[in-house]
Amino acid sequence: MQTIAFLGAGAMGSRVAHNLLAAGYPVRVYNRSTEPLAALEAAGATIAATPRAAATGADVVISMVRDDEASRVVWLDAETGALGGLRAGAVAIEASTLTPEWVTELAETVRATGAAFVEAPVLGTRPQAEARQLIVLAGGEAADLARVQEVLQASASAVHHMGAVGTAATMKLAVNTLYGVQVAIWAEVLNLLERGGLPAARAVAVLNTLPTTSPAMQGAGNMMAAGNYAPMFPIELVDKDFGYAQALARALGATTPTLDVVRTLYAQANATGYGNDNIVGIKKLFG
């Protein structure tokens, strides 16, 4: 089987790495902090001291990190970056939620080494990763994607080829924006209903029967009504993604009045100390 280097063992990355191990792949893992590595090593992973050490000789190198800056470091650091260990003919996969601008730059840099590049950000959070039900949005050459299709499917229920590199990053930011805007208005509406004398649980029970409520918002409403803000998609990452979406819109000349207003709410929630709460924790802003 293909030998896989996995860069980033955070909340999502560690779960995806476990899925790869369970599927039988030899996996080398690098993570900046060592805390999540013990469980992966116990499951059969080889722990690497640097991204370069993990990538050296690997068939597939996957990165799943926080942002553009972290991605740049794990791939391109002059001393420890994975690019220095990437062999010609390998496939580099960037699975983080990043800007299309950076993903496109990274793809060009990787391809210059003779390796292939696929972007593969995912839709879903920790429960979906554990259940191997993530949805992968892929960008790159169809032939390159075909080479890693089974690797991606180890954690996914679907893999959608969006087009050239950059299209998947654009789609991922669009999806997160659409979701985040809906969550914000639900928080606002539930606060209004509670102030009007309707308990949140009762209001959500009725709202969830209506055609205006999507399946995603059914889940979000239930969590708000229960006061369940345990992190799955933390507010600080929502704020980051909204910022990336704003930057993309400016680069494309698109107007985003709704995005701009809602981003101020997530930024406020982050600044208020709710950054580690799940996205539905934005309800705390409203009382």
C-alpha atoms as a PDB file:
ATOM      1  CA  MET A   1       0.000   0.000   0.000  1.00  0.00           C
ATOM      2  CA  GLN A   2       1.013   3.620  -0.432  1.00  0.00           C
ATOM      3  CA  THR A   3       3.106   5.010   2.403  1.00  0.00           C
ATOM      4  CA  ILE A   4       1.493   8.163   3.765  1.00  0.00           C
ATOM      5  CA  ALA A   5       3.016  11.107   5.575  1.00  0.00           C
ATOM      6  CA  PHE A   6       0.454  13.050   7.598  1.00  0.00           C
ATOM      7  CA  LEU A   7       1.276  16.581   8.713  1.00  0.00           C
ATOM      8  CA  GLY A   8      -0.933  17.942  11.483  1.00  0.00           C
ATOM      9  CA  ALA A   9      -2.569  15.817  14.169  1.00  0.00           C
ATOM     10  CA  GLY A  10      -5.077  18.298  15.539  1.00  0.00           C
ATOM     11  CA  ALA A  11      -8.722  17.572  16.248  1.00  0.00           C
ATOM     12  CA  MET A  12      -9.484  16.716  12.615  1.00  0.00           C
ATOM     13  CA  GLY A  13      -6.094  15.557  11.447  1.00  0.00           C
ATOM     14  CA  SER A  14      -5.673  12.989  14.199  1.00  0.00           C
ATOM     15  CA  ARG A  15      -9.015  11.433  13.315  1.00  0.00           C
ATOM     16  CA  VAL A  16      -8.185  11.249   9.621  1.00  0.00           C
ATOM     17  CA  ALA A  17      -4.784   9.738  10.425  1.00  0.00           C
ATOM     18  CA  HIS A  18      -6.487   7.095  12.592  1.00  0.00           C
ATOM     19  CA  ASN A  19      -8.789   6.254   9.675  1.00  0.00           C
ATOM     20  CA  LEU A  20      -5.814   5.767   7.381  1.00  0.00           C
ATOM     21  CA  LEU A  21      -4.186   3.459   9.904  1.00  0.00           C
ATOM     22  CA  ALA A  22      -7.424   1.501  10.261  1.00  0.00           C
ATOM     23  CA  ALA A  23      -7.529   1.126   6.474  1.00  0.00           C
ATOM     24  CA  GLY A  24      -4.120  -0.502   6.589  1.00  0.00           C
ATOM     25  CA  TYR A  25      -1.888   2.285   5.291  1.00  0.00           C
ATOM     26  CA  PRO A  26       1.602   2.749   6.717  1.00  0.00           C
ATOM     27  CA  VAL A  27       1.418   6.268   8.200  1.00  0.00           C
ATOM     28  CA  ARG A  28       4.129   8.604   9.421  1.00  0.00           C
ATOM     29  CA  VAL A  29       2.807  11.505  11.462  1.00  0.00           C
ATOM     30  CA  TYR A  30       4.254  14.898  12.282  1.00  0.00           C
ATOM     31  CA  ASN A  31       2.625  17.359  14.668  1.00  0.00           C
ATOM     32  CA  ARG A  32       4.044  20.491  16.236  1.00  0.00           C
ATOM     33  CA  SER A  33       2.899  19.447  19.724  1.00  0.00           C
ATOM     34  CA  THR A  34       3.423  15.910  20.936  1.00  0.00           C
ATOM     35  CA  GLU A  35       0.223  15.525  22.977  1.00  0.00           C
ATOM     36  CA  PRO A  36      -1.911  13.813  20.299  1.00  0.00           C
ATOM     37  CA  LEU A  37       0.883  11.567  19.030  1.00  0.00           C
ATOM     38  CA  ALA A  38       0.826   8.862  21.706  1.00  0.00           C
ATOM     39  CA  ALA A  39      -2.544   7.491  20.619  1.00  0.00           C
ATOM     40  CA  LEU A  40      -1.496   7.500  16.965  1.00  0.00           C
ATOM     41  CA  GLU A  41       1.754   5.720  17.769  1.00  0.00           C
ATOM     42  CA  ALA A  42      -0.185   3.135  19.773  1.00  0.00           C
ATOM     43  CA  ALA A  43      -2.399   2.615  16.728  1.00  0.00           C
ATOM     44  CA  GLY A  44       0.625   1.880  14.569  1.00  0.00           C
ATOM     45  CA  ALA A  45       1.817   5.240  13.253  1.00  0.00           C
ATOM     46  CA  THR A  46       5.481   6.143  12.999  1.00  0.00           C
ATOM     47  CA  ILE A  47       6.201   9.503  14.597  1.00  0.00           C
ATOM     48  CA  ALA A  48       8.413  11.914  12.659  1.00  0.00           C
ATOM     49  CA  ALA A  49      10.373  14.764  14.199  1.00  0.00           C
ATOM     50  CA  THR A  50       9.818  17.146  11.276  1.00  0.00           C
ATOM     51  CA  PRO A  51       7.545  17.448   8.234  1.00  0.00           C
ATOM     52  CA  ARG A  52      10.577  16.723   6.056  1.00  0.00           C
ATOM     53  CA  ALA A  53      11.345  13.519   7.928  1.00  0.00           C
ATOM     54  CA  ALA A  54       7.736  12.407   7.543  1.00  0.00           C
ATOM     55  CA  ALA A  55       7.640  13.201   3.825  1.00  0.00           C
ATOM     56  CA  THR A  56      10.975  11.651   2.852  1.00  0.00           C
ATOM     57  CA  GLY A  57      10.259   8.649   0.657  1.00  0.00           C
ATOM     58  CA  ALA A  58       6.483   8.785   1.183  1.00  0.00           C
ATOM     59  CA  ASP A  59       4.111   8.095  -1.708  1.00  0.00           C
ATOM     60  CA  VAL A  60       1.467  10.528  -0.453  1.00  0.00           C
ATOM     61  CA  VAL A  61       1.987  13.539   1.810  1.00  0.00           C
ATOM     62  CA  ILE A  62      -1.131  15.050   3.411  1.00  0.00           C
ATOM     63  CA  SER A  63      -1.295  18.322   5.323  1.00  0.00           C
ATOM     64  CA  MET A  64      -4.229  19.258   7.549  1.00  0.00           C
ATOM     65  CA  VAL A  65      -3.333  22.361   9.527  1.00  0.00           C
ATOM     66  CA  ARG A  66      -4.942  25.564  10.768  1.00  0.00           C
ATOM     67  CA  ASP A  67      -4.283  28.243   8.153  1.00  0.00           C
ATOM     68  CA  ASP A  68      -2.137  29.579   5.309  1.00  0.00           C
ATOM     69  CA  GLU A  69       0.729  30.417   7.633  1.00  0.00           C
ATOM     70  CA  ALA A  70       0.868  26.944   9.180  1.00  0.00           C
ATOM     71  CA  SER A  71       0.620  25.350   5.744  1.00  0.00           C
ATOM     72  CA  ARG A  72       3.482  27.466   4.451  1.00  0.00           C
ATOM     73  CA  VAL A  73       5.669  26.407   7.379  1.00  0.00           C
ATOM     74  CA  VAL A  74       5.020  22.660   7.145  1.00  0.00           C
ATOM     75  CA  TRP A  75       5.633  22.604   3.408  1.00  0.00           C
ATOM     76  CA  LEU A  76       8.269  25.256   2.768  1.00  0.00           C
ATOM     77  CA  ASP A  77      10.357  25.849   5.888  1.00  0.00           C
ATOM     78  CA  ALA A  78      13.968  25.954   4.689  1.00  0.00           C
ATOM     79  CA  GLU A  79      15.191  23.417   7.242  1.00  0.00           C
ATOM     80  CA  THR A  80      12.199  21.264   8.144  1.00  0.00           C
ATOM     81  CA  GLY A  81       9.612  21.712   5.362  1.00  0.00           C
ATOM     82  CA  ALA A  82       8.050  18.678   3.716  1.00  0.00           C
ATOM     83  CA  LEU A  83       8.928  19.954   0.258  1.00  0.00           C
ATOM     84  CA  GLY A  84      12.572  19.064   0.958  1.00  0.00           C
ATOM     85  CA  GLY A  85      11.607  15.419   1.438  1.00  0.00           C
ATOM     86  CA  LEU A  86       9.046  15.193  -1.348  1.00  0.00           C
ATOM     87  CA  ARG A  87      10.157  12.802  -4.075  1.00  0.00           C
ATOM     88  CA  ALA A  88       9.374  13.154  -7.748  1.00  0.00           C
ATOM     89  CA  GLY A  89       6.257  11.150  -8.518  1.00  0.00           C
ATOM     90  CA  ALA A  90       4.750  11.497  -5.049  1.00  0.00           C
ATOM     91  CA  VAL A  91       1.392  13.185  -4.518  1.00  0.00           C
ATOM     92  CA  ALA A  92       1.077  16.143  -2.146  1.00  0.00           C
ATOM     93  CA  ILE A  93      -2.403  16.705  -0.729  1.00  0.00           C
ATOM     94  CA  GLU A  94      -3.334  19.937   1.044  1.00  0.00           C
ATOM     95  CA  ALA A  95      -6.500  19.195   3.028  1.00  0.00           C
ATOM     96  CA  SER A  96      -6.612  22.357   5.142  1.00  0.00           C
ATOM     97  CA  THR A  97      -9.109  25.214   4.755  1.00  0.00           C
ATOM     98  CA  LEU A  98      -6.960  27.824   3.045  1.00  0.00           C
ATOM     99  CA  THR A  99      -7.099  30.698   0.584  1.00  0.00           C
ATOM    100  CA  PRO A 100      -7.225  29.835  -3.118  1.00  0.00           C
ATOM    101  CA  GLU A 101      -4.304  32.213  -3.633  1.00  0.00           C
ATOM    102  CA  TRP A 102      -2.007  30.254  -1.325  1.00  0.00           C
ATOM    103  CA  VAL A 103      -3.181  26.837  -2.541  1.00  0.00           C
ATOM    104  CA  THR A 104      -2.427  27.843  -6.131  1.00  0.00           C
ATOM    105  CA  GLU A 105       1.036  29.086  -5.168  1.00  0.00           C
ATOM    106  CA  LEU A 106       1.722  25.889  -3.235  1.00  0.00           C
ATOM    107  CA  ALA A 107       0.601  23.733  -6.153  1.00  0.00           C
ATOM    108  CA  GLU A 108       3.030  25.463  -8.501  1.00  0.00           C
ATOM    109  CA  THR A 109       5.878  25.013  -6.013  1.00  0.00           C
ATOM    110  CA  VAL A 110       5.109  21.326  -5.499  1.00  0.00           C
ATOM    111  CA  ARG A 111       4.775  20.579  -9.201  1.00  0.00           C
ATOM    112  CA  ALA A 112       8.170  22.173  -9.856  1.00  0.00           C
ATOM    113  CA  THR A 113       9.720  19.301  -7.868  1.00  0.00           C
ATOM    114  CA  GLY A 114       8.168  16.661 -10.125  1.00  0.00           C
ATOM    115  CA  ALA A 115       5.500  15.715  -7.591  1.00  0.00           C
ATOM    116  CA  ALA A 116       1.755  15.966  -8.184  1.00  0.00           C
ATOM    117  CA  PHE A 117      -0.605  18.161  -6.189  1.00  0.00           C
ATOM    118  CA  VAL A 118      -4.234  17.785  -5.115  1.00  0.00           C
ATOM    119  CA  GLU A 119      -6.166  20.132  -2.853  1.00  0.00           C
ATOM    120  CA  ALA A 120      -8.731  18.326  -0.719  1.00  0.00           C
ATOM    121  CA  PRO A 121     -10.434  20.421   1.981  1.00  0.00           C
ATOM    122  CA  VAL A 122     -13.204  18.573   3.780  1.00  0.00           C
ATOM    123  CA  LEU A 123     -16.758  19.295   4.840  1.00  0.00           C
ATOM    124  CA  GLY A 124     -17.758  17.950   8.229  1.00  0.00           C
ATOM    125  CA  THR A 125     -16.388  18.074  11.735  1.00  0.00           C
ATOM    126  CA  ARG A 126     -15.145  15.635  14.348  1.00  0.00           C
ATOM    127  CA  PRO A 127     -18.141  13.234  14.415  1.00  0.00           C
ATOM    128  CA  GLN A 128     -18.114  12.969  10.615  1.00  0.00           C
ATOM    129  CA  ALA A 129     -14.373  12.321  10.619  1.00  0.00           C
ATOM    130  CA  GLU A 130     -14.770   9.552  13.190  1.00  0.00           C
ATOM    131  CA  ALA A 131     -17.622   8.013  11.181  1.00  0.00           C
ATOM    132  CA  ARG A 132     -15.667   8.300   7.913  1.00  0.00           C
ATOM    133  CA  GLN A 133     -18.435  10.476   6.532  1.00  0.00           C
ATOM    134  CA  LEU A 134     -16.501  13.585   5.546  1.00  0.00           C
ATOM    135  CA  ILE A 135     -17.161  15.130   2.135  1.00  0.00           C
ATOM    136  CA  VAL A 136     -14.003  15.952   0.203  1.00  0.00           C
ATOM    137  CA  LEU A 137     -13.854  18.887  -2.191  1.00  0.00           C
ATOM    138  CA  ALA A 138     -10.970  18.184  -4.554  1.00  0.00           C
ATOM    139  CA  GLY A 139      -9.070  20.418  -6.942  1.00  0.00           C
ATOM    140  CA  GLY A 140      -6.351  19.466  -9.395  1.00  0.00           C
ATOM    141  CA  GLU A 141      -5.781  17.175 -12.355  1.00  0.00           C
ATOM    142  CA  ALA A 142      -8.257  14.303 -12.632  1.00  0.00           C
ATOM    143  CA  ALA A 143      -5.428  11.805 -13.113  1.00  0.00           C
ATOM    144  CA  ASP A 144      -3.698  12.962  -9.933  1.00  0.00           C
ATOM    145  CA  LEU A 145      -6.939  12.748  -7.974  1.00  0.00           C
ATOM    146  CA  ALA A 146      -7.494   9.205  -9.237  1.00  0.00           C
ATOM    147  CA  ARG A 147      -4.140   8.172  -7.745  1.00  0.00           C
ATOM    148  CA  VAL A 148      -5.265   9.163  -4.242  1.00  0.00           C
ATOM    149  CA  GLN A 149      -8.991   8.483  -4.478  1.00  0.00           C
ATOM    150  CA  GLU A 150      -8.863   5.516  -2.107  1.00  0.00           C
ATOM    151  CA  VAL A 151      -6.690   7.417   0.362  1.00  0.00           C
ATOM    152  CA  LEU A 152      -9.247  10.209   0.527  1.00  0.00           C
ATOM    153  CA  GLN A 153     -12.148   7.776   0.780  1.00  0.00           C
ATOM    154  CA  ALA A 154     -10.686   6.286   3.949  1.00  0.00           C
ATOM    155  CA  SER A 155     -12.371   9.177   5.780  1.00  0.00           C
ATOM    156  CA  ALA A 156     -15.065  10.238   3.319  1.00  0.00           C
ATOM    157  CA  SER A 157     -18.504   9.309   2.066  1.00  0.00           C
ATOM    158  CA  ALA A 158     -18.016  11.376  -1.107  1.00  0.00           C
ATOM    159  CA  VAL A 159     -15.222  13.010  -3.093  1.00  0.00           C
ATOM    160  CA  HIS A 160     -16.266  15.834  -5.426  1.00  0.00           C
ATOM    161  CA  HIS A 161     -13.819  16.991  -8.090  1.00  0.00           C
ATOM    162  CA  MET A 162     -14.492  20.724  -8.324  1.00  0.00           C
ATOM    163  CA  GLY A 163     -11.987  21.520 -11.083  1.00  0.00           C
ATOM    164  CA  ALA A 164      -8.554  23.112 -11.231  1.00  0.00           C
ATOM    165  CA  VAL A 165      -6.508  23.874  -8.127  1.00  0.00           C
ATOM    166  CA  GLY A 166      -8.155  26.726  -6.233  1.00  0.00           C
ATOM    167  CA  THR A 167     -11.733  25.774  -7.022  1.00  0.00           C
ATOM    168  CA  ALA A 168     -12.021  23.470  -4.017  1.00  0.00           C
ATOM    169  CA  ALA A 169     -10.660  26.141  -1.663  1.00  0.00           C
ATOM    170  CA  THR A 170     -13.165  28.610  -3.098  1.00  0.00           C
ATOM    171  CA  MET A 171     -16.029  26.149  -2.638  1.00  0.00           C
ATOM    172  CA  LYS A 172     -14.973  25.343   0.922  1.00  0.00           C
ATOM    173  CA  LEU A 173     -14.984  29.025   1.908  1.00  0.00           C
ATOM    174  CA  ALA A 174     -18.373  29.474   0.251  1.00  0.00           C
ATOM    175  CA  VAL A 175     -19.865  26.525   2.137  1.00  0.00           C
ATOM    176  CA  ASN A 176     -18.481  27.721   5.473  1.00  0.00           C
ATOM    177  CA  THR A 177     -19.828  31.214   4.797  1.00  0.00           C
ATOM    178  CA  LEU A 178     -23.279  29.878   3.962  1.00  0.00           C
ATOM    179  CA  TYR A 179     -23.312  27.763   7.113  1.00  0.00           C
ATOM    180  CA  GLY A 180     -21.953  30.483   9.371  1.00  0.00           C
ATOM    181  CA  VAL A 181     -24.485  33.064   8.205  1.00  0.00           C
ATOM    182  CA  GLN A 182     -27.338  30.643   8.901  1.00  0.00           C
ATOM    183  CA  VAL A 183     -26.038  29.835  12.384  1.00  0.00           C
ATOM    184  CA  ALA A 184     -25.795  33.537  13.234  1.00  0.00           C
ATOM    185  CA  ILE A 185     -29.381  34.319  12.245  1.00  0.00           C
ATOM    186  CA  TRP A 186     -30.596  31.268  14.156  1.00  0.00           C
ATOM    187  CA  ALA A 187     -28.867  32.537  17.285  1.00  0.00           C
ATOM    188  CA  GLU A 188     -30.519  35.919  16.805  1.00  0.00           C
ATOM    189  CA  VAL A 189     -33.966  34.446  16.170  1.00  0.00           C
ATOM    190  CA  LEU A 190     -33.806  32.072  19.139  1.00  0.00           C
ATOM    191  CA  ASN A 191     -32.902  34.950  21.413  1.00  0.00           C
ATOM    192  CA  LEU A 192     -35.905  36.861  20.080  1.00  0.00           C
ATOM    193  CA  LEU A 193     -38.204  33.890  20.685  1.00  0.00           C
ATOM    194  CA  GLU A 194     -36.892  33.345  24.220  1.00  0.00           C
ATOM    195  CA  ARG A 195     -37.457  37.004  25.050  1.00  0.00           C
ATOM    196  CA  GLY A 196     -40.970  36.577  23.688  1.00  0.00           C
ATOM    197  CA  GLY A 197     -41.675  33.844  26.222  1.00  0.00           C
ATOM    198  CA  LEU A 198     -40.966  30.760  24.119  1.00  0.00           C
ATOM    199  CA  PRO A 199     -38.452  28.310  25.631  1.00  0.00           C
ATOM    200  CA  ALA A 200     -35.658  27.547  23.182  1.00  0.00           C
ATOM    201  CA  ALA A 201     -36.294  23.801  23.233  1.00  0.00           C
ATOM    202  CA  ARG A 202     -39.962  24.265  22.351  1.00  0.00           C
ATOM    203  CA  ALA A 203     -39.199  26.818  19.653  1.00  0.00           C
ATOM    204  CA  VAL A 204     -36.559  24.605  18.071  1.00  0.00           C
ATOM    205  CA  ALA A 205     -38.841  21.562  18.160  1.00  0.00           C
ATOM    206  CA  VAL A 206     -41.363  23.432  16.020  1.00  0.00           C
ATOM    207  CA  LEU A 207     -38.836  25.178  13.769  1.00  0.00           C
ATOM    208  CA  ASN A 208     -37.242  21.833  12.998  1.00  0.00           C
ATOM    209  CA  THR A 209     -40.488  20.577  11.455  1.00  0.00           C
ATOM    210  CA  LEU A 210     -40.651  23.430   8.945  1.00  0.00           C
ATOM    211  CA  PRO A 211     -39.362  23.442   5.355  1.00  0.00           C
ATOM    212  CA  THR A 212     -37.409  26.621   6.116  1.00  0.00           C
ATOM    213  CA  THR A 213     -35.051  24.666   8.395  1.00  0.00           C
ATOM    214  CA  SER A 214     -32.233  22.770   6.725  1.00  0.00           C
ATOM    215  CA  PRO A 215     -30.828  19.571   8.253  1.00  0.00           C
ATOM    216  CA  ALA A 216     -27.699  21.481   9.245  1.00  0.00           C
ATOM    217  CA  MET A 217     -29.765  24.079  11.085  1.00  0.00           C
ATOM    218  CA  GLN A 218     -31.795  21.384  12.815  1.00  0.00           C
ATOM    219  CA  GLY A 219     -28.584  20.209  14.414  1.00  0.00           C
ATOM    220  CA  ALA A 220     -27.410  23.735  15.195  1.00  0.00           C
ATOM    221  CA  GLY A 221     -30.752  24.633  16.773  1.00  0.00           C
ATOM    222  CA  ASN A 222     -30.726  21.545  18.947  1.00  0.00           C
ATOM    223  CA  MET A 223     -27.248  22.393  20.210  1.00  0.00           C
ATOM    224  CA  MET A 224     -28.234  25.993  20.964  1.00  0.00           C
ATOM    225  CA  ALA A 225     -31.368  24.910  22.812  1.00  0.00           C
ATOM    226  CA  ALA A 226     -29.305  22.493  24.893  1.00  0.00           C
ATOM    227  CA  GLY A 227     -26.540  25.019  25.537  1.00  0.00           C
ATOM    228  CA  ASN A 228     -24.097  22.560  24.006  1.00  0.00           C
ATOM    229  CA  TYR A 229     -21.132  24.591  22.830  1.00  0.00           C
ATOM    230  CA  ALA A 230     -18.486  21.851  22.938  1.00  0.00           C
ATOM    231  CA  PRO A 231     -16.038  22.564  20.109  1.00  0.00           C
ATOM    232  CA  MET A 232     -16.448  20.915  16.741  1.00  0.00           C
ATOM    233  CA  PHE A 233     -16.059  23.929  14.445  1.00  0.00           C
ATOM    234  CA  PRO A 234     -14.620  26.510  16.866  1.00  0.00           C
ATOM    235  CA  ILE A 235     -15.598  30.159  16.518  1.00  0.00           C
ATOM    236  CA  GLU A 236     -11.986  31.241  16.127  1.00  0.00           C
ATOM    237  CA  LEU A 237     -11.761  29.109  12.984  1.00  0.00           C
ATOM    238  CA  VAL A 238     -15.086  30.439  11.720  1.00  0.00           C
ATOM    239  CA  ASP A 239     -13.709  33.954  12.095  1.00  0.00           C
ATOM    240  CA  LYS A 240     -10.559  32.922  10.214  1.00  0.00           C
ATOM    241  CA  ASP A 241     -12.557  31.399   7.358  1.00  0.00           C
ATOM    242  CA  PHE A 242     -14.840  34.429   7.088  1.00  0.00           C
ATOM    243  CA  GLY A 243     -11.741  36.600   6.833  1.00  0.00           C
ATOM    244  CA  TYR A 244     -10.417  34.400   4.026  1.00  0.00           C
ATOM    245  CA  ALA A 245     -13.785  34.617   2.254  1.00  0.00           C
ATOM    246  CA  GLN A 246     -13.740  38.414   2.514  1.00  0.00           C
ATOM    247  CA  ALA A 247     -10.239  38.546   1.048  1.00  0.00           C
ATOM    248  CA  LEU A 248     -11.288  36.281  -1.816  1.00  0.00           C
ATOM    249  CA  ALA A 249     -14.335  38.434  -2.523  1.00  0.00           C
ATOM    250  CA  ARG A 250     -12.194  41.566  -2.653  1.00  0.00           C
ATOM    251  CA  ALA A 251      -9.765  39.884  -5.035  1.00  0.00           C
ATOM    252  CA  LEU A 252     -12.643  38.860  -7.325  1.00  0.00           C
ATOM    253  CA  GLY A 253     -14.461  42.194  -7.121  1.00  0.00           C
ATOM    254  CA  ALA A 254     -17.505  40.607  -5.470  1.00  0.00           C
ATOM    255  CA  THR A 255     -19.656  42.489  -2.959  1.00  0.00           C
ATOM    256  CA  THR A 256     -20.423  40.718   0.324  1.00  0.00           C
ATOM    257  CA  PRO A 257     -22.609  42.907   2.561  1.00  0.00           C
ATOM    258  CA  THR A 258     -24.106  39.963   4.462  1.00  0.00           C
ATOM    259  CA  LEU A 259     -20.762  38.251   4.959  1.00  0.00           C
ATOM    260  CA  ASP A 260     -19.229  41.515   6.147  1.00  0.00           C
ATOM    261  CA  VAL A 261     -21.895  42.103   8.800  1.00  0.00           C
ATOM    262  CA  VAL A 262     -21.939  38.524  10.071  1.00  0.00           C
ATOM    263  CA  ARG A 263     -18.148  38.390  10.215  1.00  0.00           C
ATOM    264  CA  THR A 264     -18.243  41.226  12.781  1.00  0.00           C
ATOM    265  CA  LEU A 265     -20.362  38.969  15.032  1.00  0.00           C
ATOM    266  CA  TYR A 266     -17.913  36.071  14.910  1.00  0.00           C
ATOM    267  CA  ALA A 267     -15.012  38.465  15.436  1.00  0.00           C
ATOM    268  CA  GLN A 268     -16.828  39.909  18.445  1.00  0.00           C
ATOM    269  CA  ALA A 269     -17.530  36.440  19.835  1.00  0.00           C
ATOM    270  CA  ASN A 270     -13.880  35.519  19.374  1.00  0.00           C
ATOM    271  CA  ALA A 271     -12.708  38.718  21.067  1.00  0.00           C
ATOM    272  CA  THR A 272     -15.182  38.205  23.926  1.00  0.00           C
ATOM    273  CA  GLY A 273     -13.602  34.880  24.836  1.00  0.00           C
ATOM    274  CA  TYR A 274     -15.862  32.436  22.982  1.00  0.00           C
ATOM    275  CA  GLY A 275     -13.261  31.485  20.365  1.00  0.00           C
ATOM    276  CA  ASN A 276     -12.913  27.895  21.587  1.00  0.00           C
ATOM    277  CA  ASP A 277     -16.675  27.321  21.635  1.00  0.00           C
ATOM    278  CA  ASN A 278     -18.390  25.555  18.778  1.00  0.00           C
ATOM    279  CA  ILE A 279     -19.856  27.835  16.114  1.00  0.00           C
ATOM    280  CA  VAL A 280     -23.280  27.720  17.804  1.00  0.00           C
ATOM    281  CA  GLY A 281     -21.705  29.468  20.797  1.00  0.00           C
ATOM    282  CA  ILE A 282     -22.335  32.717  18.945  1.00  0.00           C
ATOM    283  CA  LYS A 283     -25.707  32.572  20.676  1.00  0.00           C
ATOM    284  CA  LYS A 284     -23.936  33.773  23.824  1.00  0.00           C
ATOM    285  CA  LEU A 285     -23.634  37.201  22.228  1.00  0.00           C
ATOM    286  CA  PHE A 286     -27.408  37.539  22.385  1.00  0.00           C
ATOM    287  CA  GLY A 287     -27.895  36.345  25.954  1.00  0.00           C
END
